[in-house]
N, C-alpha and C. Protein backbone atom coordinates (compact mmCIF):
# COMPACT_ATOMS: atom_id res chain seq x y z
N MET A 1 0.77 -1.60 0.89
CA MET A 1 0.45 -0.42 -0.12
C MET A 1 0.72 1.20 -0.12
N PRO A 2 0.94 2.31 -0.83
CA PRO A 2 1.10 3.62 -0.72
C PRO A 2 0.70 3.86 0.62
N VAL A 3 1.82 4.49 0.87
CA VAL A 3 2.09 5.71 2.40
C VAL A 3 3.05 6.73 2.51
N ILE A 4 2.50 7.30 3.59
CA ILE A 4 3.43 8.99 3.52
C ILE A 4 3.97 9.31 5.02
N LEU A 5 5.05 9.09 4.99
CA LEU A 5 5.77 9.49 6.57
C LEU A 5 4.97 10.50 7.27
N THR A 6 4.85 10.88 8.47
CA THR A 6 4.10 11.65 8.80
C THR A 6 5.17 12.45 10.05
N GLN A 7 6.11 11.79 10.34
CA GLN A 7 6.93 12.50 11.14
C GLN A 7 8.25 12.19 10.47
N ILE A 8 9.31 12.74 11.29
CA ILE A 8 10.52 13.75 10.98
C ILE A 8 11.08 11.99 11.43
N ILE A 9 12.09 11.08 11.23
CA ILE A 9 12.74 10.27 11.65
C ILE A 9 13.61 10.21 11.28
N ALA A 10 15.02 10.81 10.74
CA ALA A 10 15.97 11.57 10.62
C ALA A 10 16.05 11.72 8.76
N ILE A 11 16.30 13.36 9.56
CA ILE A 11 16.92 14.27 8.49
C ILE A 11 17.45 14.19 7.40
N GLU A 12 19.20 13.64 7.58
CA GLU A 12 20.02 13.20 7.17
C GLU A 12 19.87 11.97 6.67
N LEU A 13 18.93 11.23 6.60
CA LEU A 13 18.55 9.91 5.49
C LEU A 13 17.53 10.05 4.80
N GLY A 14 16.94 11.77 4.75
CA GLY A 14 15.54 11.30 3.99
C GLY A 14 14.19 11.15 4.44
N LEU A 15 14.21 10.74 5.77
CA LEU A 15 13.31 10.09 5.80
C LEU A 15 12.86 11.31 7.02
N ILE A 16 11.53 12.09 6.22
CA ILE A 16 11.39 13.33 6.92
C ILE A 16 9.78 13.32 6.40
N ASN A 17 8.77 14.48 7.19
CA ASN A 17 7.98 14.59 7.05
C ASN A 17 7.24 14.42 5.32
N GLY A 18 6.13 13.70 5.17
CA GLY A 18 6.06 13.87 3.76
C GLY A 18 6.34 12.75 2.74
N VAL A 19 7.41 12.40 3.36
CA VAL A 19 8.55 11.20 1.99
C VAL A 19 7.03 10.36 1.88
N ASN A 20 7.18 9.38 0.50
CA ASN A 20 6.49 8.72 0.08
C ASN A 20 7.24 7.40 0.12
N GLY A 21 6.50 6.34 0.52
CA GLY A 21 6.68 4.84 0.43
C GLY A 21 5.92 3.73 0.32
N ILE A 22 6.03 2.61 0.11
CA ILE A 22 5.39 1.85 -0.33
C ILE A 22 5.41 0.74 1.08
N PHE A 23 4.30 -0.04 1.48
CA PHE A 23 4.57 -0.08 3.13
C PHE A 23 4.25 -1.77 2.28
N ARG A 24 5.37 -2.59 3.08
CA ARG A 24 5.26 -4.11 2.84
C ARG A 24 5.11 -4.85 4.05
N GLN A 25 5.68 -4.80 5.04
CA GLN A 25 5.20 -5.64 5.85
C GLN A 25 5.34 -5.25 7.36
N LEU A 26 4.07 -5.57 8.50
CA LEU A 26 4.10 -5.33 9.33
C LEU A 26 4.53 -6.04 10.75
N VAL A 27 5.50 -5.79 11.32
CA VAL A 27 6.90 -6.90 12.67
C VAL A 27 6.51 -6.26 13.51
N TYR A 28 6.12 -7.88 14.61
CA TYR A 28 5.29 -7.86 15.48
C TYR A 28 6.71 -7.86 16.69
N GLN A 29 6.03 -8.53 18.34
CA GLN A 29 6.82 -8.63 19.20
C GLN A 29 7.08 -10.20 18.76
N GLU A 30 7.66 -11.20 19.71
CA GLU A 30 7.27 -12.83 19.60
C GLU A 30 5.89 -12.63 20.51
N ASP A 31 5.55 -12.34 21.44
CA ASP A 31 4.68 -12.84 22.35
C ASP A 31 3.33 -12.17 22.03
N SER A 32 3.42 -11.37 21.05
CA SER A 32 1.99 -11.10 21.23
C SER A 32 1.52 -11.69 20.02
N VAL A 33 2.18 -12.80 19.53
CA VAL A 33 0.82 -13.63 18.35
C VAL A 33 -0.09 -14.76 19.14
N SER A 34 -0.88 -14.51 19.84
CA SER A 34 -2.16 -15.39 19.82
C SER A 34 -2.82 -16.41 19.34
N THR A 35 -2.90 -17.95 19.21
CA THR A 35 -3.91 -18.70 18.66
C THR A 35 -5.15 -18.99 19.51
N ASP A 36 -5.44 -18.07 20.70
CA ASP A 36 -6.24 -18.30 21.73
C ASP A 36 -7.54 -18.33 20.86
N ILE A 37 -8.92 -19.12 21.43
CA ILE A 37 -10.23 -18.39 19.91
C ILE A 37 -10.77 -17.27 21.11
N ILE A 38 -11.16 -16.36 20.28
CA ILE A 38 -11.64 -15.09 21.21
C ILE A 38 -13.37 -14.99 20.99
N SER A 39 -13.88 -15.77 20.31
CA SER A 39 -14.77 -15.97 19.62
C SER A 39 -15.40 -16.99 19.04
N GLU A 40 -16.34 -17.91 18.59
CA GLU A 40 -16.08 -19.15 18.00
C GLU A 40 -16.62 -18.19 16.70
N GLU A 41 -17.08 -17.11 16.34
CA GLU A 41 -17.23 -16.82 14.51
C GLU A 41 -16.09 -16.65 13.99
N PHE A 42 -14.92 -16.58 14.57
CA PHE A 42 -13.67 -16.76 14.00
C PHE A 42 -13.09 -18.22 13.97
N SER A 43 -12.21 -18.42 12.82
CA SER A 43 -11.86 -19.59 12.17
C SER A 43 -10.83 -20.17 13.02
N LYS A 44 -11.00 -21.62 13.50
CA LYS A 44 -9.42 -22.09 14.54
C LYS A 44 -8.52 -22.37 14.69
N ASN A 45 -8.32 -21.65 13.23
CA ASN A 45 -6.87 -21.47 12.20
C ASN A 45 -6.47 -19.94 12.83
N ALA A 46 -7.42 -18.87 13.25
CA ALA A 46 -6.96 -17.48 12.91
C ALA A 46 -6.02 -16.98 14.54
N GLN A 47 -5.19 -16.37 13.75
CA GLN A 47 -4.00 -16.06 14.68
C GLN A 47 -4.41 -14.53 15.20
N TYR A 48 -4.61 -14.01 16.39
CA TYR A 48 -4.43 -12.65 16.97
C TYR A 48 -3.49 -11.97 16.99
N VAL A 49 -2.57 -11.14 17.02
CA VAL A 49 -1.65 -10.08 16.99
C VAL A 49 -2.08 -8.64 17.09
N HIS A 50 -1.21 -8.32 17.91
CA HIS A 50 -0.80 -7.11 18.39
C HIS A 50 0.19 -6.60 18.56
N ARG A 51 0.57 -5.51 19.30
CA ARG A 51 1.90 -4.58 19.76
C ARG A 51 2.47 -4.59 18.59
N PRO A 52 2.85 -4.76 17.54
CA PRO A 52 3.75 -4.51 16.16
C PRO A 52 4.76 -3.14 16.77
N LEU A 53 6.18 -3.56 16.56
CA LEU A 53 7.02 -3.27 16.63
C LEU A 53 7.50 -1.98 15.73
N TYR A 54 7.52 -2.54 14.75
CA TYR A 54 7.61 -1.91 13.04
C TYR A 54 6.78 -1.92 11.99
N ALA A 55 7.71 -1.26 10.99
CA ALA A 55 6.34 -1.51 9.76
C ALA A 55 7.72 -1.30 9.19
N LEU A 56 7.93 -2.24 7.78
CA LEU A 56 8.82 -2.24 6.72
C LEU A 56 8.80 -1.50 5.72
N VAL A 57 9.23 -0.24 5.05
CA VAL A 57 8.48 0.24 4.34
C VAL A 57 9.39 0.74 3.38
N GLU A 58 9.54 0.17 2.26
CA GLU A 58 9.98 0.39 0.84
C GLU A 58 10.41 2.34 0.65
N ILE A 59 11.54 3.27 0.75
CA ILE A 59 11.17 3.75 0.51
C ILE A 59 12.28 4.33 -0.45
N ASN A 60 12.46 4.34 -2.23
CA ASN A 60 13.17 4.22 -2.93
C ASN A 60 14.32 6.23 -3.04
N LYS A 61 13.54 7.30 -2.15
CA LYS A 61 14.44 7.86 -1.98
C LYS A 61 15.07 8.44 -0.58
N SER A 62 14.99 6.87 0.23
CA SER A 62 15.89 7.21 1.40
C SER A 62 17.39 7.27 1.02
N LYS A 63 18.32 7.98 1.75
CA LYS A 63 19.94 7.63 1.34
C LYS A 63 20.41 6.43 2.73
N ILE A 64 19.43 5.50 2.91
CA ILE A 64 19.95 4.15 3.68
C ILE A 64 20.62 3.49 2.74
N GLU A 65 22.42 3.54 2.83
CA GLU A 65 22.30 2.32 1.83
C GLU A 65 22.89 0.94 2.99
N CYS A 66 22.03 -0.31 2.67
CA CYS A 66 21.82 -2.00 2.97
C CYS A 66 22.71 -2.61 2.17
N ASN A 67 23.63 -3.24 3.11
CA ASN A 67 23.96 -4.37 2.62
C ASN A 67 24.26 -5.66 2.89
N LEU A 68 22.90 -6.27 4.17
CA LEU A 68 22.28 -6.90 4.38
C LEU A 68 21.57 -7.63 2.97
N GLU A 69 22.19 -9.29 3.18
CA GLU A 69 21.62 -10.38 2.13
C GLU A 69 19.71 -10.46 2.41
N GLN A 70 20.20 -10.73 3.47
CA GLN A 70 17.85 -10.54 3.80
C GLN A 70 17.53 -9.43 3.71
N LEU A 71 17.74 -8.33 4.02
CA LEU A 71 16.94 -6.53 4.09
C LEU A 71 17.21 -6.41 2.85
N GLN A 72 15.75 -5.99 1.68
CA GLN A 72 16.76 -4.91 0.07
C GLN A 72 16.97 -3.60 0.16
N SER A 73 17.66 -3.34 0.06
CA SER A 73 18.44 -1.95 0.35
C SER A 73 17.48 -0.94 0.50
N LYS A 74 15.89 -0.78 -0.18
CA LYS A 74 15.42 0.45 0.26
C LYS A 74 14.48 0.01 1.49
N LEU A 75 14.03 -0.97 1.61
CA LEU A 75 13.51 -1.31 2.68
C LEU A 75 13.61 -0.72 4.31
N ILE A 76 12.62 0.18 5.11
CA ILE A 76 13.39 0.44 6.09
C ILE A 76 12.37 0.32 7.37
N PRO A 77 13.26 0.03 8.36
CA PRO A 77 12.31 -0.07 9.05
C PRO A 77 11.78 1.12 10.06
N ILE A 78 10.87 1.16 9.55
CA ILE A 78 9.47 2.46 10.04
C ILE A 78 9.48 2.59 11.90
N PRO A 79 9.79 2.68 12.94
CA PRO A 79 9.09 2.08 14.51
C PRO A 79 8.71 2.80 15.33
N VAL A 80 7.31 2.25 16.01
CA VAL A 80 6.32 2.75 16.30
C VAL A 80 6.03 3.98 17.40
N MET A 81 5.89 5.12 17.23
CA MET A 81 6.65 5.92 17.90
C MET A 81 5.63 6.33 19.12
N GLU A 82 5.91 7.27 20.18
CA GLU A 82 5.11 7.54 21.77
C GLU A 82 4.86 9.03 21.12
N GLN A 83 3.89 9.55 21.48
CA GLN A 83 3.62 10.80 21.48
C GLN A 83 2.32 11.23 21.99
N THR A 84 2.89 13.04 22.74
CA THR A 84 2.27 12.94 24.45
C THR A 84 0.85 13.95 23.58
N PHE A 85 0.41 14.21 23.40
CA PHE A 85 -0.18 16.32 23.57
C PHE A 85 -1.35 16.14 24.26
N ARG A 86 -1.07 17.43 24.68
CA ARG A 86 -2.78 18.36 25.26
C ARG A 86 -3.48 18.68 25.07
N VAL A 87 -5.21 18.49 25.27
CA VAL A 87 -6.02 19.49 24.91
C VAL A 87 -6.49 19.90 25.71
N ASP A 88 -7.16 20.97 25.85
CA ASP A 88 -8.49 21.84 26.48
C ASP A 88 -9.55 21.18 26.20
N ILE A 89 -9.98 20.58 27.22
CA ILE A 89 -11.66 20.34 27.77
C ILE A 89 -12.40 21.47 27.78
N GLY A 90 -12.28 22.15 27.49
CA GLY A 90 -13.31 23.41 27.25
C GLY A 90 -12.76 23.43 25.85
N ASP A 91 -12.14 23.58 24.50
CA ASP A 91 -12.68 23.29 23.43
C ASP A 91 -12.91 22.16 22.88
N MET A 92 -13.59 20.94 23.65
CA MET A 92 -13.76 20.12 23.28
C MET A 92 -15.73 20.31 23.42
N LEU A 93 -16.39 21.43 24.48
CA LEU A 93 -17.67 21.30 24.99
C LEU A 93 -18.54 22.33 24.18
N PRO A 94 -19.74 22.26 24.12
CA PRO A 94 -20.24 23.11 23.19
C PRO A 94 -20.27 24.55 24.00
N LYS A 95 -20.63 26.06 23.77
CA LYS A 95 -20.52 27.25 23.66
C LYS A 95 -21.09 26.97 25.21
N ASP A 96 -22.06 26.41 24.61
CA ASP A 96 -23.19 27.48 26.10
C ASP A 96 -22.67 26.61 27.30
N ASN A 97 -22.11 25.43 27.62
CA ASN A 97 -21.34 24.79 28.73
C ASN A 97 -20.37 24.95 29.13
N LYS A 98 -19.02 26.22 28.27
CA LYS A 98 -18.08 26.34 28.62
C LYS A 98 -17.84 27.24 30.20
N PRO A 99 -17.07 26.97 30.71
CA PRO A 99 -16.76 27.24 32.14
C PRO A 99 -16.45 28.70 31.89
N LYS A 100 -17.34 29.61 33.17
CA LYS A 100 -17.28 31.24 33.19
C LYS A 100 -15.26 31.60 32.89
N SER A 101 -14.82 31.05 33.38
CA SER A 101 -13.33 31.25 33.98
C SER A 101 -13.12 30.95 32.41
N ASN A 102 -11.49 32.20 32.70
CA ASN A 102 -10.42 31.54 31.65
C ASN A 102 -9.29 30.70 31.81
N ARG A 103 -9.96 29.90 33.01
CA ARG A 103 -8.62 28.77 33.31
C ARG A 103 -8.62 27.65 32.77
N LYS A 104 -7.41 27.25 31.22
CA LYS A 104 -7.63 26.11 31.10
C LYS A 104 -7.83 24.52 32.23
N THR A 105 -8.47 23.69 31.41
CA THR A 105 -8.35 22.26 32.21
C THR A 105 -7.39 21.59 30.65
N LEU A 106 -6.25 20.89 30.95
CA LEU A 106 -5.44 20.21 30.19
C LEU A 106 -5.59 19.04 30.08
N LEU A 107 -5.90 18.44 29.52
CA LEU A 107 -6.40 16.70 28.94
C LEU A 107 -5.25 15.98 28.51
N SER A 108 -4.18 15.32 29.50
CA SER A 108 -2.69 15.22 28.96
C SER A 108 -2.88 13.54 27.61
N ILE A 109 -2.55 13.41 26.49
CA ILE A 109 -2.87 12.25 25.99
C ILE A 109 -1.87 11.30 25.31
N LYS A 110 -1.71 10.20 25.73
CA LYS A 110 -0.53 9.69 25.19
C LYS A 110 -0.82 8.52 24.51
N ARG A 111 -0.66 8.11 22.78
CA ARG A 111 -0.46 7.63 22.09
C ARG A 111 1.11 6.67 21.37
N ARG A 112 0.36 5.67 21.06
CA ARG A 112 1.66 4.75 20.78
C ARG A 112 1.15 4.33 19.53
N ALA A 113 1.95 4.53 17.69
CA ALA A 113 1.18 4.57 16.42
C ALA A 113 2.19 4.39 15.16
N LEU A 114 2.12 3.76 14.65
CA LEU A 114 3.36 3.67 13.32
C LEU A 114 3.06 5.65 13.01
N PRO A 115 3.72 6.13 12.31
CA PRO A 115 4.35 7.84 11.97
C PRO A 115 3.56 7.83 10.30
N LEU A 116 2.68 6.66 9.23
CA LEU A 116 2.68 6.67 8.41
C LEU A 116 0.67 6.35 8.93
N VAL A 117 -0.09 7.21 6.81
CA VAL A 117 -1.14 7.29 7.03
C VAL A 117 -1.20 7.06 5.09
N PRO A 118 -2.10 6.17 4.79
CA PRO A 118 -2.21 5.63 3.52
C PRO A 118 -2.30 7.40 2.87
N ALA A 119 -1.52 6.55 1.15
CA ALA A 119 -1.45 7.95 0.49
C ALA A 119 -1.78 7.65 -0.94
N TYR A 120 -2.68 7.02 -0.84
CA TYR A 120 -4.01 6.70 -2.29
C TYR A 120 -3.69 8.54 -2.93
N CYS A 121 -3.74 9.21 -2.37
CA CYS A 121 -4.50 10.74 -2.61
C CYS A 121 -3.31 11.34 -1.24
N ILE A 122 -3.25 12.45 -1.73
CA ILE A 122 -2.08 13.35 -0.71
C ILE A 122 -2.42 15.24 -1.27
N PRO A 123 -2.92 15.70 -0.18
CA PRO A 123 -3.30 17.18 -0.10
C PRO A 123 -1.87 18.12 -1.18
N THR A 124 -2.14 18.92 -1.18
CA THR A 124 -1.05 19.36 -2.30
C THR A 124 -0.33 20.13 -1.53
N HIS A 125 -0.68 20.46 -0.29
CA HIS A 125 1.15 21.31 0.10
C HIS A 125 1.83 19.69 0.89
N LYS A 126 1.36 18.47 1.01
CA LYS A 126 2.15 17.39 0.90
C LYS A 126 3.07 16.88 -0.47
N SER A 127 2.43 17.57 -1.42
CA SER A 127 3.16 17.24 -2.84
C SER A 127 4.14 18.06 -3.48
N GLN A 128 3.64 19.34 -2.49
CA GLN A 128 5.40 20.49 -2.81
C GLN A 128 7.08 19.82 -2.78
N GLY A 129 7.54 20.18 -3.64
CA GLY A 129 8.94 19.22 -3.74
C GLY A 129 8.89 17.89 -4.87
N GLN A 130 8.07 17.22 -4.97
CA GLN A 130 8.10 15.88 -5.54
C GLN A 130 7.54 15.86 -6.28
N THR A 131 8.34 14.85 -7.22
CA THR A 131 8.17 14.85 -8.72
C THR A 131 7.76 13.69 -8.93
N LEU A 132 5.89 13.18 -9.92
CA LEU A 132 5.36 12.10 -9.79
C LEU A 132 5.56 12.12 -11.02
N ASN A 133 5.24 10.29 -11.30
CA ASN A 133 5.25 9.97 -12.45
C ASN A 133 3.41 10.12 -13.22
N LYS A 134 2.24 9.67 -11.83
CA LYS A 134 1.18 10.18 -12.46
C LYS A 134 0.37 11.15 -11.34
N VAL A 135 -0.75 11.73 -11.66
CA VAL A 135 -1.76 12.19 -11.39
C VAL A 135 -2.81 12.43 -11.03
N VAL A 136 -3.91 12.26 -11.08
CA VAL A 136 -5.08 12.64 -11.04
C VAL A 136 -5.45 13.99 -10.10
N ILE A 137 -5.31 15.20 -10.62
CA ILE A 137 -5.75 16.09 -9.79
C ILE A 137 -7.11 17.06 -9.67
N ASP A 138 -7.99 16.96 -8.67
CA ASP A 138 -9.28 18.25 -8.56
C ASP A 138 -9.29 19.43 -8.52
N LEU A 139 -9.11 20.01 -10.10
CA LEU A 139 -9.17 21.32 -10.21
C LEU A 139 -9.62 22.41 -9.81
N LYS A 140 -10.72 21.49 -9.13
CA LYS A 140 -12.38 23.18 -8.82
C LYS A 140 -11.24 23.45 -7.32
N LEU A 141 -11.52 24.84 -6.74
CA LEU A 141 -10.77 24.95 -5.70
C LEU A 141 -11.91 25.36 -4.56
N PRO A 142 -11.43 25.00 -3.46
CA PRO A 142 -12.25 25.53 -2.31
C PRO A 142 -13.58 25.94 -2.53
N ASN A 143 -14.70 26.28 -2.23
CA ASN A 143 -15.38 28.10 -1.78
C ASN A 143 -14.85 28.38 -0.45
N GLU A 144 -14.30 28.03 0.14
CA GLU A 144 -13.34 29.23 1.08
C GLU A 144 -11.86 29.58 0.12
N THR A 145 -11.48 29.28 -0.81
CA THR A 145 -10.06 29.73 -0.92
C THR A 145 -10.53 30.47 -1.94
N ASP A 146 -9.23 31.06 -2.55
CA ASP A 146 -8.93 31.98 -4.41
C ASP A 146 -7.57 31.56 -4.15
N ASP A 147 -6.94 30.12 -3.45
CA ASP A 147 -5.36 30.29 -3.19
C ASP A 147 -4.60 29.60 -4.94
N ILE A 148 -4.51 30.28 -5.75
CA ILE A 148 -3.95 29.58 -6.86
C ILE A 148 -3.27 28.99 -6.93
N ALA A 149 -2.34 28.59 -5.50
CA ALA A 149 -1.58 27.33 -5.47
C ALA A 149 -1.77 26.12 -5.82
N ALA A 150 -3.60 26.06 -4.83
CA ALA A 150 -4.15 24.71 -4.82
C ALA A 150 -3.79 23.50 -6.07
N VAL A 151 -4.27 25.21 -7.35
CA VAL A 151 -3.98 24.71 -8.50
C VAL A 151 -2.30 24.05 -9.01
N TYR A 152 -1.97 25.02 -9.30
CA TYR A 152 -0.55 25.30 -9.97
C TYR A 152 0.89 24.06 -9.04
N VAL A 153 0.67 23.95 -7.88
CA VAL A 153 1.41 23.29 -7.66
C VAL A 153 0.67 21.54 -7.37
N PRO A 154 0.05 21.17 -7.58
CA PRO A 154 -0.09 19.82 -7.73
C PRO A 154 0.25 19.73 -9.57
N LEU A 155 -0.28 20.84 -10.04
CA LEU A 155 -0.37 20.56 -11.81
C LEU A 155 1.44 20.41 -11.88
N SER A 156 2.51 21.54 -11.46
CA SER A 156 3.96 21.42 -11.13
C SER A 156 4.37 20.00 -11.09
N ARG A 157 4.07 18.79 -10.18
CA ARG A 157 4.98 17.57 -9.76
C ARG A 157 4.85 17.05 -11.07
N VAL A 158 3.59 16.71 -12.10
CA VAL A 158 4.41 16.12 -13.05
C VAL A 158 4.28 17.00 -14.11
N LEU A 159 5.73 17.40 -14.41
CA LEU A 159 5.89 18.69 -15.82
C LEU A 159 7.43 17.86 -15.77
N LEU A 160 7.85 17.08 -16.58
CA LEU A 160 9.00 16.56 -16.29
C LEU A 160 9.83 16.79 -17.14
N ILE A 161 9.09 17.25 -18.15
CA ILE A 161 9.76 18.53 -19.99
C ILE A 161 9.45 19.63 -19.73
N LYS A 162 10.05 20.14 -21.05
CA LYS A 162 9.91 21.54 -20.36
C LYS A 162 7.88 21.95 -21.04
N PRO A 163 7.37 23.03 -20.44
CA PRO A 163 5.31 22.87 -20.68
C PRO A 163 5.64 23.31 -22.13
N SER A 164 4.62 22.87 -23.20
CA SER A 164 4.51 23.60 -23.80
C SER A 164 3.83 25.34 -23.95
N LYS A 165 3.61 25.57 -24.87
CA LYS A 165 3.13 27.41 -24.84
C LYS A 165 1.23 26.92 -24.47
N SER A 166 1.12 25.97 -24.89
CA SER A 166 -0.94 25.96 -24.58
C SER A 166 -0.92 25.25 -23.18
N GLN A 167 0.10 24.83 -22.50
CA GLN A 167 0.22 24.57 -21.23
C GLN A 167 0.51 25.24 -19.73
N LEU A 168 1.17 26.11 -20.17
CA LEU A 168 1.61 26.95 -19.90
C LEU A 168 0.64 28.49 -19.81
N THR A 169 -0.25 28.39 -20.62
CA THR A 169 -1.17 29.28 -20.47
C THR A 169 -2.52 28.89 -19.24
N GLU A 170 -2.47 27.63 -20.21
CA GLU A 170 -3.07 26.53 -18.54
C GLU A 170 -2.91 27.23 -17.82
N ILE A 171 -1.65 26.71 -16.77
CA ILE A 171 -1.01 26.91 -15.84
C ILE A 171 -1.68 28.11 -15.10
N GLU A 172 -1.08 29.25 -16.62
CA GLU A 172 -1.21 30.43 -15.57
C GLU A 172 -2.98 31.12 -15.48
């Protein structure tokens, strides 16, 4: 599955937010595989897995060099990462139920996840700086914006040769 990296892992290796790759495999802890039957609805041969350690992602733009026999050269282990963020509970309440004081009530949330999202489609800002072989572009501008970059940026990602006069006119 095509994926896109959502966090910076190593700038010097080209593992940065927005880089594209192909998801190849999820690797689990050895003790996380169970054959215990959770429900009669599932096959008796089913294995139930949890706690992934990392994903193997093929990233062609990576600067990692690998000479290991069992690992393809551009197959990169992307680890599960822990992230903590804070949310003001007042922001989640309806306006008529918000506390009258200006004091914030922060809720701290911690999660572990792979820093990857499916990339069958990507927003315009994620396509900046990339050269793509094939694209499908929605040329309709959103109602809230007249930002011409919403059209120019994705069109400019696939121009591998000098554009013709008619193409330049279309871009303008």
